[in-house]
Amino acid sequence: MEAAGYRESDRDAAISVRGQDVSVHDFRTSAWTIRKTFDTRSSESATKRQTTVPMYRKPPASLSPWRAAAEIIGSGQPKAPAADDIRKMITWFGSHAVPGVEQAIGNRRSTSS
């Protein structure tokens, strides 16, 4: 968001995705939801195994999803927890969220100039 120059006034800037308007706020909400879903699945998985998730595997809330994903996937464990979901999250951020936010903000600013 910071790299795209996001301001609160950009919240309702939107692009069309498959014929439906998707706002910057929608992208932000989806990004938050993906992250919370990942956190919940990781916790549930640890609970099912009746183990605790070590602190080094619990990314702090302020840690970017990109960095958290890289750290967990690269943890050296035989099967990193939720590795496939993490890769899907990274792909969504890079292929959809970031370009969508940048395009929506760019469109908004080019029409208001």
PDB file of N, CA and C in Angstrom:
ATOM      1  N   MET A   1       0.820  -1.187   0.000  1.00  0.00           N
ATOM      2  CA  MET A   1       0.000   0.000   0.000  1.00  0.00           C
ATOM      3  C   MET A   1       0.868   1.256   0.000  1.00  0.00           C
ATOM      4  N   GLU A   2       1.893   1.221   0.819  1.00  0.00           N
ATOM      5  CA  GLU A   2       2.757   2.395   0.889  1.00  0.00           C
ATOM      6  C   GLU A   2       3.459   2.623  -0.443  1.00  0.00           C
ATOM      7  N   ALA A   3       3.931   1.546  -1.065  1.00  0.00           N
ATOM      8  CA  ALA A   3       4.646   1.666  -2.338  1.00  0.00           C
ATOM      9  C   ALA A   3       3.737   2.202  -3.447  1.00  0.00           C
ATOM     10  N   ALA A   4       2.440   1.913  -3.361  1.00  0.00           N
ATOM     11  CA  ALA A   4       1.485   2.397  -4.359  1.00  0.00           C
ATOM     12  C   ALA A   4       1.073   3.833  -4.078  1.00  0.00           C
ATOM     13  N   GLY A   5       1.530   4.373  -2.954  1.00  0.00           N
ATOM     14  CA  GLY A   5       1.174   5.747  -2.595  1.00  0.00           C
ATOM     15  C   GLY A   5      -0.239   5.863  -2.057  1.00  0.00           C
ATOM     16  N   TYR A   6      -0.726   4.796  -1.438  1.00  0.00           N
ATOM     17  CA  TYR A   6      -2.102   4.761  -0.927  1.00  0.00           C
ATOM     18  C   TYR A   6      -2.380   5.882   0.057  1.00  0.00           C
ATOM     19  N   ARG A   7      -3.531   6.518  -0.148  1.00  0.00           N
ATOM     20  CA  ARG A   7      -4.079   7.490   0.804  1.00  0.00           C
ATOM     21  C   ARG A   7      -5.501   7.036   1.119  1.00  0.00           C
ATOM     22  N   GLU A   8      -5.998   7.414   2.255  1.00  0.00           N
ATOM     23  CA  GLU A   8      -7.353   7.002   2.650  1.00  0.00           C
ATOM     24  C   GLU A   8      -8.394   7.405   1.595  1.00  0.00           C
ATOM     25  N   SER A   9      -8.150   8.496   0.904  1.00  0.00           N
ATOM     26  CA  SER A   9      -9.094   8.936  -0.137  1.00  0.00           C
ATOM     27  C   SER A   9      -9.117   7.980  -1.338  1.00  0.00           C
ATOM     28  N   ASP A  10      -8.152   7.064  -1.416  1.00  0.00           N
ATOM     29  CA  ASP A  10      -8.109   6.072  -2.501  1.00  0.00           C
ATOM     30  C   ASP A  10      -8.951   4.835  -2.203  1.00  0.00           C
ATOM     31  N   ARG A  11      -9.507   4.771  -1.036  1.00  0.00           N
ATOM     32  CA  ARG A  11     -10.236   3.594  -0.564  1.00  0.00           C
ATOM     33  C   ARG A  11     -11.281   3.088  -1.558  1.00  0.00           C
ATOM     34  N   ASP A  12     -12.015   4.001  -2.186  1.00  0.00           N
ATOM     35  CA  ASP A  12     -13.083   3.569  -3.096  1.00  0.00           C
ATOM     36  C   ASP A  12     -12.654   3.561  -4.566  1.00  0.00           C
ATOM     37  N   ALA A  13     -11.382   3.830  -4.857  1.00  0.00           N
ATOM     38  CA  ALA A  13     -10.888   3.700  -6.233  1.00  0.00           C
ATOM     39  C   ALA A  13     -11.066   2.246  -6.646  1.00  0.00           C
ATOM     40  N   ALA A  14     -11.518   2.033  -7.878  1.00  0.00           N
ATOM     41  CA  ALA A  14     -11.850   0.656  -8.276  1.00  0.00           C
ATOM     42  C   ALA A  14     -11.396   0.363  -9.700  1.00  0.00           C
ATOM     43  N   ILE A  15     -11.281  -0.924  -9.974  1.00  0.00           N
ATOM     44  CA  ILE A  15     -11.055  -1.427 -11.326  1.00  0.00           C
ATOM     45  C   ILE A  15     -12.124  -2.486 -11.588  1.00  0.00           C
ATOM     46  N   SER A  16     -12.289  -2.838 -12.842  1.00  0.00           N
ATOM     47  CA  SER A  16     -13.233  -3.886 -13.199  1.00  0.00           C
ATOM     48  C   SER A  16     -12.491  -5.215 -13.294  1.00  0.00           C
ATOM     49  N   VAL A  17     -12.989  -6.197 -12.573  1.00  0.00           N
ATOM     50  CA  VAL A  17     -12.428  -7.546 -12.614  1.00  0.00           C
ATOM     51  C   VAL A  17     -13.558  -8.482 -13.029  1.00  0.00           C
ATOM     52  N   ARG A  18     -13.417  -9.025 -14.231  1.00  0.00           N
ATOM     53  CA  ARG A  18     -14.460  -9.904 -14.795  1.00  0.00           C
ATOM     54  C   ARG A  18     -15.841  -9.256 -14.729  1.00  0.00           C
ATOM     55  N   GLY A  19     -15.874  -7.965 -15.053  1.00  0.00           N
ATOM     56  CA  GLY A  19     -17.146  -7.250 -15.116  1.00  0.00           C
ATOM     57  C   GLY A  19     -17.674  -6.729 -13.791  1.00  0.00           C
ATOM     58  N   GLN A  20     -16.941  -6.909 -12.728  1.00  0.00           N
ATOM     59  CA  GLN A  20     -17.390  -6.428 -11.413  1.00  0.00           C
ATOM     60  C   GLN A  20     -16.373  -5.422 -10.877  1.00  0.00           C
ATOM     61  N   ASP A  21     -16.893  -4.312 -10.330  1.00  0.00           N
ATOM     62  CA  ASP A  21     -16.003  -3.323  -9.733  1.00  0.00           C
ATOM     63  C   ASP A  21     -15.396  -3.861  -8.444  1.00  0.00           C
ATOM     64  N   VAL A  22     -14.081  -3.739  -8.345  1.00  0.00           N
ATOM     65  CA  VAL A  22     -13.348  -4.165  -7.154  1.00  0.00           C
ATOM     66  C   VAL A  22     -12.554  -2.955  -6.679  1.00  0.00           C
ATOM     67  N   SER A  23     -12.828  -2.522  -5.456  1.00  0.00           N
ATOM     68  CA  SER A  23     -12.192  -1.318  -4.926  1.00  0.00           C
ATOM     69  C   SER A  23     -10.887  -1.649  -4.199  1.00  0.00           C
ATOM     70  N   VAL A  24     -10.115  -0.599  -3.953  1.00  0.00           N
ATOM     71  CA  VAL A  24      -8.895  -0.757  -3.164  1.00  0.00           C
ATOM     72  C   VAL A  24      -9.268  -1.330  -1.797  1.00  0.00           C
ATOM     73  N   HIS A  25     -10.378  -0.870  -1.251  1.00  0.00           N
ATOM     74  CA  HIS A  25     -10.829  -1.412   0.043  1.00  0.00           C
ATOM     75  C   HIS A  25     -11.108  -2.912  -0.065  1.00  0.00           C
ATOM     76  N   ASP A  26     -11.702  -3.358  -1.175  1.00  0.00           N
ATOM     77  CA  ASP A  26     -11.953  -4.789  -1.376  1.00  0.00           C
ATOM     78  C   ASP A  26     -10.644  -5.580  -1.390  1.00  0.00           C
ATOM     79  N   PHE A  27      -9.628  -5.042  -2.083  1.00  0.00           N
ATOM     80  CA  PHE A  27      -8.329  -5.711  -2.099  1.00  0.00           C
ATOM     81  C   PHE A  27      -7.739  -5.771  -0.697  1.00  0.00           C
ATOM     82  N   ARG A  28      -7.836  -4.672   0.044  1.00  0.00           N
ATOM     83  CA  ARG A  28      -7.293  -4.642   1.407  1.00  0.00           C
ATOM     84  C   ARG A  28      -8.015  -5.656   2.299  1.00  0.00           C
ATOM     85  N   THR A  29      -9.328  -5.721   2.174  1.00  0.00           N
ATOM     86  CA  THR A  29     -10.110  -6.660   2.974  1.00  0.00           C
ATOM     87  C   THR A  29      -9.749  -8.099   2.614  1.00  0.00           C
ATOM     88  N   SER A  30      -9.608  -8.373   1.332  1.00  0.00           N
ATOM     89  CA  SER A  30      -9.231  -9.726   0.903  1.00  0.00           C
ATOM     90  C   SER A  30      -7.847 -10.101   1.413  1.00  0.00           C
ATOM     91  N   ALA A  31      -6.915  -9.156   1.349  1.00  0.00           N
ATOM     92  CA  ALA A  31      -5.561  -9.428   1.835  1.00  0.00           C
ATOM     93  C   ALA A  31      -5.574  -9.755   3.322  1.00  0.00           C
ATOM     94  N   TRP A  32      -6.349  -9.009   4.079  1.00  0.00           N
ATOM     95  CA  TRP A  32      -6.447  -9.253   5.522  1.00  0.00           C
ATOM     96  C   TRP A  32      -7.091 -10.617   5.771  1.00  0.00           C
ATOM     97  N   THR A  33      -8.147 -10.930   5.023  1.00  0.00           N
ATOM     98  CA  THR A  33      -8.865 -12.191   5.198  1.00  0.00           C
ATOM     99  C   THR A  33      -7.970 -13.384   4.866  1.00  0.00           C
ATOM    100  N   ILE A  34      -7.217 -13.284   3.774  1.00  0.00           N
ATOM    101  CA  ILE A  34      -6.307 -14.376   3.409  1.00  0.00           C
ATOM    102  C   ILE A  34      -5.321 -14.618   4.539  1.00  0.00           C
ATOM    103  N   ARG A  35      -4.765 -13.544   5.041  1.00  0.00           N
ATOM    104  CA  ARG A  35      -3.762 -13.662   6.112  1.00  0.00           C
ATOM    105  C   ARG A  35      -4.380 -14.286   7.370  1.00  0.00           C
ATOM    106  N   LYS A  36      -5.558 -13.826   7.766  1.00  0.00           N
ATOM    107  CA  LYS A  36      -6.201 -14.369   8.971  1.00  0.00           C
ATOM    108  C   LYS A  36      -6.577 -15.836   8.764  1.00  0.00           C
ATOM    109  N   THR A  37      -7.021 -16.202   7.576  1.00  0.00           N
ATOM    110  CA  THR A  37      -7.360 -17.588   7.285  1.00  0.00           C
ATOM    111  C   THR A  37      -6.122 -18.467   7.412  1.00  0.00           C
ATOM    112  N   PHE A  38      -5.006 -17.980   6.870  1.00  0.00           N
ATOM    113  CA  PHE A  38      -3.753 -18.718   6.979  1.00  0.00           C
ATOM    114  C   PHE A  38      -3.358 -18.896   8.440  1.00  0.00           C
ATOM    115  N   ASP A  39      -3.431 -17.818   9.230  1.00  0.00           N
ATOM    116  CA  ASP A  39      -3.086 -17.886  10.648  1.00  0.00           C
ATOM    117  C   ASP A  39      -3.975 -18.895  11.380  1.00  0.00           C
ATOM    118  N   THR A  40      -5.275 -18.878  11.073  1.00  0.00           N
ATOM    119  CA  THR A  40      -6.228 -19.777  11.726  1.00  0.00           C
ATOM    120  C   THR A  40      -5.930 -21.223  11.366  1.00  0.00           C
ATOM    121  N   ARG A  41      -5.682 -21.482  10.078  1.00  0.00           N
ATOM    122  CA  ARG A  41      -5.380 -22.855   9.651  1.00  0.00           C
ATOM    123  C   ARG A  41      -4.117 -23.373  10.320  1.00  0.00           C
ATOM    124  N   SER A  42      -3.102 -22.516  10.423  1.00  0.00           N
ATOM    125  CA  SER A  42      -1.854 -22.930  11.057  1.00  0.00           C
ATOM    126  C   SER A  42      -2.085 -23.290  12.512  1.00  0.00           C
ATOM    127  N   SER A  43      -2.877 -22.481  13.208  1.00  0.00           N
ATOM    128  CA  SER A  43      -3.173 -22.745  14.620  1.00  0.00           C
ATOM    129  C   SER A  43      -3.992 -24.013  14.784  1.00  0.00           C
ATOM    130  N   GLU A  44      -4.999 -24.189  13.905  1.00  0.00           N
ATOM    131  CA  GLU A  44      -5.838 -25.388  13.987  1.00  0.00           C
ATOM    132  C   GLU A  44      -5.010 -26.638  13.720  1.00  0.00           C
ATOM    133  N   SER A  45      -4.112 -26.562  12.769  1.00  0.00           N
ATOM    134  CA  SER A  45      -3.263 -27.698  12.442  1.00  0.00           C
ATOM    135  C   SER A  45      -2.397 -28.081  13.637  1.00  0.00           C
ATOM    136  N   ALA A  46      -1.839 -27.093  14.292  1.00  0.00           N
ATOM    137  CA  ALA A  46      -1.001 -27.357  15.470  1.00  0.00           C
ATOM    138  C   ALA A  46      -1.844 -27.954  16.597  1.00  0.00           C
ATOM    139  N   THR A  47      -3.076 -27.465  16.758  1.00  0.00           N
ATOM    140  CA  THR A  47      -3.951 -27.978  17.806  1.00  0.00           C
ATOM    141  C   THR A  47      -4.307 -29.438  17.544  1.00  0.00           C
ATOM    142  N   LYS A  48      -4.596 -29.781  16.284  1.00  0.00           N
ATOM    143  CA  LYS A  48      -4.921 -31.166  15.932  1.00  0.00           C
ATOM    144  C   LYS A  48      -3.768 -32.114  16.250  1.00  0.00           C
ATOM    145  N   ARG A  49      -2.551 -31.620  16.078  1.00  0.00           N
ATOM    146  CA  ARG A  49      -1.386 -32.436  16.386  1.00  0.00           C
ATOM    147  C   ARG A  49      -1.071 -32.390  17.882  1.00  0.00           C
ATOM    148  N   GLN A  50      -1.862 -31.626  18.633  1.00  0.00           N
ATOM    149  CA  GLN A  50      -1.675 -31.435  20.075  1.00  0.00           C
ATOM    150  C   GLN A  50      -0.260 -30.946  20.381  1.00  0.00           C
ATOM    151  N   THR A  51       0.139 -30.000  19.585  1.00  0.00           N
ATOM    152  CA  THR A  51       1.433 -29.375  19.805  1.00  0.00           C
ATOM    153  C   THR A  51       1.223 -27.873  19.831  1.00  0.00           C
ATOM    154  N   THR A  52       2.242 -27.195  20.217  1.00  0.00           N
ATOM    155  CA  THR A  52       2.185 -25.747  20.139  1.00  0.00           C
ATOM    156  C   THR A  52       3.029 -25.302  18.960  1.00  0.00           C
ATOM    157  N   VAL A  53       2.668 -24.172  18.407  1.00  0.00           N
ATOM    158  CA  VAL A  53       3.439 -23.617  17.314  1.00  0.00           C
ATOM    159  C   VAL A  53       4.585 -22.838  17.940  1.00  0.00           C
ATOM    160  N   PRO A  54       5.829 -23.253  17.686  1.00  0.00           N
ATOM    161  CA  PRO A  54       6.958 -22.541  18.279  1.00  0.00           C
ATOM    162  C   PRO A  54       6.958 -21.068  17.897  1.00  0.00           C
ATOM    163  N   MET A  55       7.472 -20.229  18.770  1.00  0.00           N
ATOM    164  CA  MET A  55       7.471 -18.796  18.528  1.00  0.00           C
ATOM    165  C   MET A  55       8.181 -18.437  17.223  1.00  0.00           C
ATOM    166  N   TYR A  56       9.220 -19.168  16.855  1.00  0.00           N
ATOM    167  CA  TYR A  56       9.914 -18.828  15.620  1.00  0.00           C
ATOM    168  C   TYR A  56       9.054 -19.089  14.388  1.00  0.00           C
ATOM    169  N   ARG A  57       7.978 -19.869  14.540  1.00  0.00           N
ATOM    170  CA  ARG A  57       7.070 -20.123  13.420  1.00  0.00           C
ATOM    171  C   ARG A  57       5.840 -19.247  13.472  1.00  0.00           C
ATOM    172  N   LYS A  58       5.729 -18.395  14.473  1.00  0.00           N
ATOM    173  CA  LYS A  58       4.585 -17.499  14.574  1.00  0.00           C
ATOM    174  C   LYS A  58       5.012 -16.112  14.110  1.00  0.00           C
ATOM    175  N   PRO A  59       4.692 -15.758  12.869  1.00  0.00           N
ATOM    176  CA  PRO A  59       5.090 -14.443  12.408  1.00  0.00           C
ATOM    177  C   PRO A  59       4.316 -13.356  13.151  1.00  0.00           C
ATOM    178  N   PRO A  60       4.993 -12.303  13.598  1.00  0.00           N
ATOM    179  CA  PRO A  60       4.284 -11.224  14.256  1.00  0.00           C
ATOM    180  C   PRO A  60       3.313 -10.564  13.294  1.00  0.00           C
ATOM    181  N   ALA A  61       2.267  -9.949  13.836  1.00  0.00           N
ATOM    182  CA  ALA A  61       1.234  -9.338  13.002  1.00  0.00           C
ATOM    183  C   ALA A  61       1.809  -8.303  12.049  1.00  0.00           C
ATOM    184  N   SER A  62       2.882  -7.654  12.449  1.00  0.00           N
ATOM    185  CA  SER A  62       3.454  -6.608  11.604  1.00  0.00           C
ATOM    186  C   SER A  62       4.333  -7.156  10.489  1.00  0.00           C
ATOM    187  N   LEU A  63       4.620  -8.446  10.505  1.00  0.00           N
ATOM    188  CA  LEU A  63       5.481  -9.046   9.493  1.00  0.00           C
ATOM    189  C   LEU A  63       4.712  -9.165   8.185  1.00  0.00           C
ATOM    190  N   SER A  64       5.316  -8.733   7.096  1.00  0.00           N
ATOM    191  CA  SER A  64       4.620  -8.788   5.820  1.00  0.00           C
ATOM    192  C   SER A  64       4.340 -10.241   5.444  1.00  0.00           C
ATOM    193  N   PRO A  65       3.216 -10.487   4.750  1.00  0.00           N
ATOM    194  CA  PRO A  65       2.917 -11.860   4.320  1.00  0.00           C
ATOM    195  C   PRO A  65       4.026 -12.453   3.472  1.00  0.00           C
ATOM    196  N   TRP A  66       4.679 -11.618   2.649  1.00  0.00           N
ATOM    197  CA  TRP A  66       5.769 -12.096   1.798  1.00  0.00           C
ATOM    198  C   TRP A  66       6.894 -12.659   2.643  1.00  0.00           C
ATOM    199  N   ARG A  67       7.323 -11.891   3.639  1.00  0.00           N
ATOM    200  CA  ARG A  67       8.452 -12.310   4.470  1.00  0.00           C
ATOM    201  C   ARG A  67       8.066 -13.513   5.329  1.00  0.00           C
ATOM    202  N   ALA A  68       6.861 -13.471   5.890  1.00  0.00           N
ATOM    203  CA  ALA A  68       6.407 -14.591   6.717  1.00  0.00           C
ATOM    204  C   ALA A  68       6.372 -15.876   5.898  1.00  0.00           C
ATOM    205  N   ALA A  69       5.856 -15.780   4.675  1.00  0.00           N
ATOM    206  CA  ALA A  69       5.775 -16.949   3.814  1.00  0.00           C
ATOM    207  C   ALA A  69       7.158 -17.490   3.493  1.00  0.00           C
ATOM    208  N   ALA A  70       8.066 -16.599   3.166  1.00  0.00           N
ATOM    209  CA  ALA A  70       9.430 -17.032   2.838  1.00  0.00           C
ATOM    210  C   ALA A  70      10.088 -17.710   4.030  1.00  0.00           C
ATOM    211  N   GLU A  71       9.885 -17.162   5.221  1.00  0.00           N
ATOM    212  CA  GLU A  71      10.494 -17.755   6.405  1.00  0.00           C
ATOM    213  C   GLU A  71       9.911 -19.132   6.713  1.00  0.00           C
ATOM    214  N   ILE A  72       8.600 -19.279   6.566  1.00  0.00           N
ATOM    215  CA  ILE A  72       7.976 -20.557   6.898  1.00  0.00           C
ATOM    216  C   ILE A  72       8.326 -21.615   5.848  1.00  0.00           C
ATOM    217  N   ILE A  73       8.242 -21.259   4.567  1.00  0.00           N
ATOM    218  CA  ILE A  73       8.561 -22.221   3.515  1.00  0.00           C
ATOM    219  C   ILE A  73      10.023 -22.624   3.601  1.00  0.00           C
ATOM    220  N   GLY A  74      10.889 -21.680   3.908  1.00  0.00           N
ATOM    221  CA  GLY A  74      12.313 -21.959   3.972  1.00  0.00           C
ATOM    222  C   GLY A  74      12.786 -22.410   5.333  1.00  0.00           C
ATOM    223  N   SER A  75      11.895 -22.914   6.159  1.00  0.00           N
ATOM    224  CA  SER A  75      12.242 -23.275   7.534  1.00  0.00           C
ATOM    225  C   SER A  75      13.064 -24.557   7.640  1.00  0.00           C
ATOM    226  N   GLY A  76      13.186 -25.289   6.538  1.00  0.00           N
ATOM    227  CA  GLY A  76      13.978 -26.504   6.559  1.00  0.00           C
ATOM    228  C   GLY A  76      13.209 -27.717   7.054  1.00  0.00           C
ATOM    229  N   GLN A  77      11.941 -27.561   7.359  1.00  0.00           N
ATOM    230  CA  GLN A  77      11.138 -28.698   7.795  1.00  0.00           C
ATOM    231  C   GLN A  77      10.837 -29.572   6.576  1.00  0.00           C
ATOM    232  N   PRO A  78      10.660 -30.865   6.782  1.00  0.00           N
ATOM    233  CA  PRO A  78      10.369 -31.747   5.646  1.00  0.00           C
ATOM    234  C   PRO A  78       9.154 -31.267   4.851  1.00  0.00           C
ATOM    235  N   LYS A  79       8.113 -30.867   5.497  1.00  0.00           N
ATOM    236  CA  LYS A  79       6.929 -30.328   4.837  1.00  0.00           C
ATOM    237  C   LYS A  79       6.532 -29.085   5.609  1.00  0.00           C
ATOM    238  N   ALA A  80       6.867 -27.941   5.063  1.00  0.00           N
ATOM    239  CA  ALA A  80       6.534 -26.686   5.735  1.00  0.00           C
ATOM    240  C   ALA A  80       5.018 -26.594   5.894  1.00  0.00           C
ATOM    241  N   PRO A  81       4.547 -26.132   7.041  1.00  0.00           N
ATOM    242  CA  PRO A  81       3.105 -26.051   7.268  1.00  0.00           C
ATOM    243  C   PRO A  81       2.445 -25.123   6.254  1.00  0.00           C
ATOM    244  N   ALA A  82       1.406 -25.591   5.631  1.00  0.00           N
ATOM    245  CA  ALA A  82       0.596 -24.805   4.701  1.00  0.00           C
ATOM    246  C   ALA A  82       1.404 -24.238   3.535  1.00  0.00           C
ATOM    247  N   ALA A  83       2.436 -24.919   3.124  1.00  0.00           N
ATOM    248  CA  ALA A  83       3.303 -24.403   2.059  1.00  0.00           C
ATOM    249  C   ALA A  83       2.522 -24.088   0.782  1.00  0.00           C
ATOM    250  N   ASP A  84       1.601 -24.960   0.400  1.00  0.00           N
ATOM    251  CA  ASP A  84       0.826 -24.717  -0.822  1.00  0.00           C
ATOM    252  C   ASP A  84      -0.049 -23.481  -0.676  1.00  0.00           C
ATOM    253  N   ASP A  85      -0.687 -23.333   0.480  1.00  0.00           N
ATOM    254  CA  ASP A  85      -1.525 -22.156   0.714  1.00  0.00           C
ATOM    255  C   ASP A  85      -0.690 -20.883   0.732  1.00  0.00           C
ATOM    256  N   ILE A  86       0.498 -20.969   1.283  1.00  0.00           N
ATOM    257  CA  ILE A  86       1.377 -19.798   1.324  1.00  0.00           C
ATOM    258  C   ILE A  86       1.770 -19.401  -0.092  1.00  0.00           C
ATOM    259  N   ARG A  87       2.107 -20.378  -0.909  1.00  0.00           N
ATOM    260  CA  ARG A  87       2.469 -20.076  -2.297  1.00  0.00           C
ATOM    261  C   ARG A  87       1.286 -19.453  -3.052  1.00  0.00           C
ATOM    262  N   LYS A  88       0.086 -19.959  -2.803  1.00  0.00           N
ATOM    263  CA  LYS A  88      -1.106 -19.371  -3.433  1.00  0.00           C
ATOM    264  C   LYS A  88      -1.300 -17.935  -2.962  1.00  0.00           C
ATOM    265  N   MET A  89      -1.057 -17.680  -1.686  1.00  0.00           N
ATOM    266  CA  MET A  89      -1.190 -16.326  -1.145  1.00  0.00           C
ATOM    267  C   MET A  89      -0.185 -15.392  -1.824  1.00  0.00           C
ATOM    268  N   ILE A  90       1.050 -15.841  -1.960  1.00  0.00           N
ATOM    269  CA  ILE A  90       2.083 -15.031  -2.606  1.00  0.00           C
ATOM    270  C   ILE A  90       1.687 -14.734  -4.051  1.00  0.00           C
ATOM    271  N   THR A  91       1.196 -15.752  -4.748  1.00  0.00           N
ATOM    272  CA  THR A  91       0.772 -15.562  -6.138  1.00  0.00           C
ATOM    273  C   THR A  91      -0.366 -14.565  -6.222  1.00  0.00           C
ATOM    274  N   TRP A  92      -1.357 -14.675  -5.335  1.00  0.00           N
ATOM    275  CA  TRP A  92      -2.484 -13.747  -5.346  1.00  0.00           C
ATOM    276  C   TRP A  92      -2.020 -12.316  -5.099  1.00  0.00           C
ATOM    277  N   PHE A  93      -1.154 -12.127  -4.118  1.00  0.00           N
ATOM    278  CA  PHE A  93      -0.648 -10.787  -3.841  1.00  0.00           C
ATOM    279  C   PHE A  93       0.072 -10.229  -5.071  1.00  0.00           C
ATOM    280  N   GLY A  94       0.972 -11.012  -5.651  1.00  0.00           N
ATOM    281  CA  GLY A  94       1.781 -10.529  -6.763  1.00  0.00           C
ATOM    282  C   GLY A  94       1.034 -10.393  -8.076  1.00  0.00           C
ATOM    283  N   SER A  95       0.062 -11.275  -8.322  1.00  0.00           N
ATOM    284  CA  SER A  95      -0.636 -11.283  -9.607  1.00  0.00           C
ATOM    285  C   SER A  95      -1.940 -10.508  -9.617  1.00  0.00           C
ATOM    286  N   HIS A  96      -2.538 -10.331  -8.465  1.00  0.00           N
ATOM    287  CA  HIS A  96      -3.862  -9.699  -8.422  1.00  0.00           C
ATOM    288  C   HIS A  96      -3.917  -8.462  -7.519  1.00  0.00           C
ATOM    289  N   ALA A  97      -3.552  -8.631  -6.259  1.00  0.00           N
ATOM    290  CA  ALA A  97      -3.722  -7.537  -5.304  1.00  0.00           C
ATOM    291  C   ALA A  97      -2.858  -6.326  -5.643  1.00  0.00           C
ATOM    292  N   VAL A  98      -1.568  -6.536  -5.784  1.00  0.00           N
ATOM    293  CA  VAL A  98      -0.662  -5.396  -6.028  1.00  0.00           C
ATOM    294  C   VAL A  98      -1.000  -4.695  -7.346  1.00  0.00           C
ATOM    295  N   PRO A  99      -1.083  -5.429  -8.472  1.00  0.00           N
ATOM    296  CA  PRO A  99      -1.416  -4.731  -9.723  1.00  0.00           C
ATOM    297  C   PRO A  99      -2.798  -4.077  -9.678  1.00  0.00           C
ATOM    298  N   GLY A 100      -3.751  -4.730  -9.016  1.00  0.00           N
ATOM    299  CA  GLY A 100      -5.100  -4.158  -8.924  1.00  0.00           C
ATOM    300  C   GLY A 100      -5.133  -2.854  -8.155  1.00  0.00           C
ATOM    301  N   VAL A 101      -4.453  -2.830  -7.025  1.00  0.00           N
ATOM    302  CA  VAL A 101      -4.395  -1.611  -6.211  1.00  0.00           C
ATOM    303  C   VAL A 101      -3.672  -0.506  -6.982  1.00  0.00           C
ATOM    304  N   GLU A 102      -2.547  -0.851  -7.583  1.00  0.00           N
ATOM    305  CA  GLU A 102      -1.790   0.158  -8.339  1.00  0.00           C
ATOM    306  C   GLU A 102      -2.614   0.719  -9.498  1.00  0.00           C
ATOM    307  N   GLN A 103      -3.314  -0.154 -10.210  1.00  0.00           N
ATOM    308  CA  GLN A 103      -4.120   0.295 -11.347  1.00  0.00           C
ATOM    309  C   GLN A 103      -5.284   1.165 -10.877  1.00  0.00           C
ATOM    310  N   ALA A 104      -5.965   0.751  -9.832  1.00  0.00           N
ATOM    311  CA  ALA A 104      -7.107   1.526  -9.325  1.00  0.00           C
ATOM    312  C   ALA A 104      -6.675   2.915  -8.872  1.00  0.00           C
ATOM    313  N   ILE A 105      -5.564   2.967  -8.128  1.00  0.00           N
ATOM    314  CA  ILE A 105      -5.069   4.265  -7.648  1.00  0.00           C
ATOM    315  C   ILE A 105      -4.594   5.105  -8.836  1.00  0.00           C
ATOM    316  N   GLY A 106      -3.873   4.479  -9.777  1.00  0.00           N
ATOM    317  CA  GLY A 106      -3.406   5.199 -10.965  1.00  0.00           C
ATOM    318  C   GLY A 106      -4.553   5.756 -11.784  1.00  0.00           C
ATOM    319  N   ASN A 107      -5.591   4.934 -11.997  1.00  0.00           N
ATOM    320  CA  ASN A 107      -6.767   5.389 -12.743  1.00  0.00           C
ATOM    321  C   ASN A 107      -7.424   6.582 -12.046  1.00  0.00           C
ATOM    322  N   ARG A 108      -7.578   6.472 -10.750  1.00  0.00           N
ATOM    323  CA  ARG A 108      -8.221   7.532  -9.967  1.00  0.00           C
ATOM    324  C   ARG A 108      -7.447   8.839 -10.113  1.00  0.00           C
ATOM    325  N   ARG A 109      -6.141   8.739  -9.976  1.00  0.00           N
ATOM    326  CA  ARG A 109      -5.326   9.966 -10.003  1.00  0.00           C
ATOM    327  C   ARG A 109      -5.214  10.553 -11.401  1.00  0.00           C
ATOM    328  N   SER A 110      -5.222   9.693 -12.433  1.00  0.00           N
ATOM    329  CA  SER A 110      -5.116  10.228 -13.795  1.00  0.00           C
ATOM    330  C   SER A 110      -6.407  10.932 -14.222  1.00  0.00           C
ATOM    331  N   THR A 111      -7.546  10.475 -13.701  1.00  0.00           N
ATOM    332  CA  THR A 111      -8.809  11.124 -14.050  1.00  0.00           C
ATOM    333  C   THR A 111      -9.073  12.380 -13.227  1.00  0.00           C
ATOM    334  N   SER A 112      -8.418  12.498 -12.082  1.00  0.00           N
ATOM    335  CA  SER A 112      -8.632  13.672 -11.240  1.00  0.00           C
ATOM    336  C   SER A 112      -7.609  14.770 -11.518  1.00  0.00           C
ATOM    337  N   SER A 113      -6.652  14.502 -12.403  1.00  0.00           N
ATOM    338  CA  SER A 113      -5.626  15.514 -12.701  1.00  0.00           C
ATOM    339  C   SER A 113      -6.111  16.495 -13.743  1.00  0.00           C
TER     340      SER A 113
END
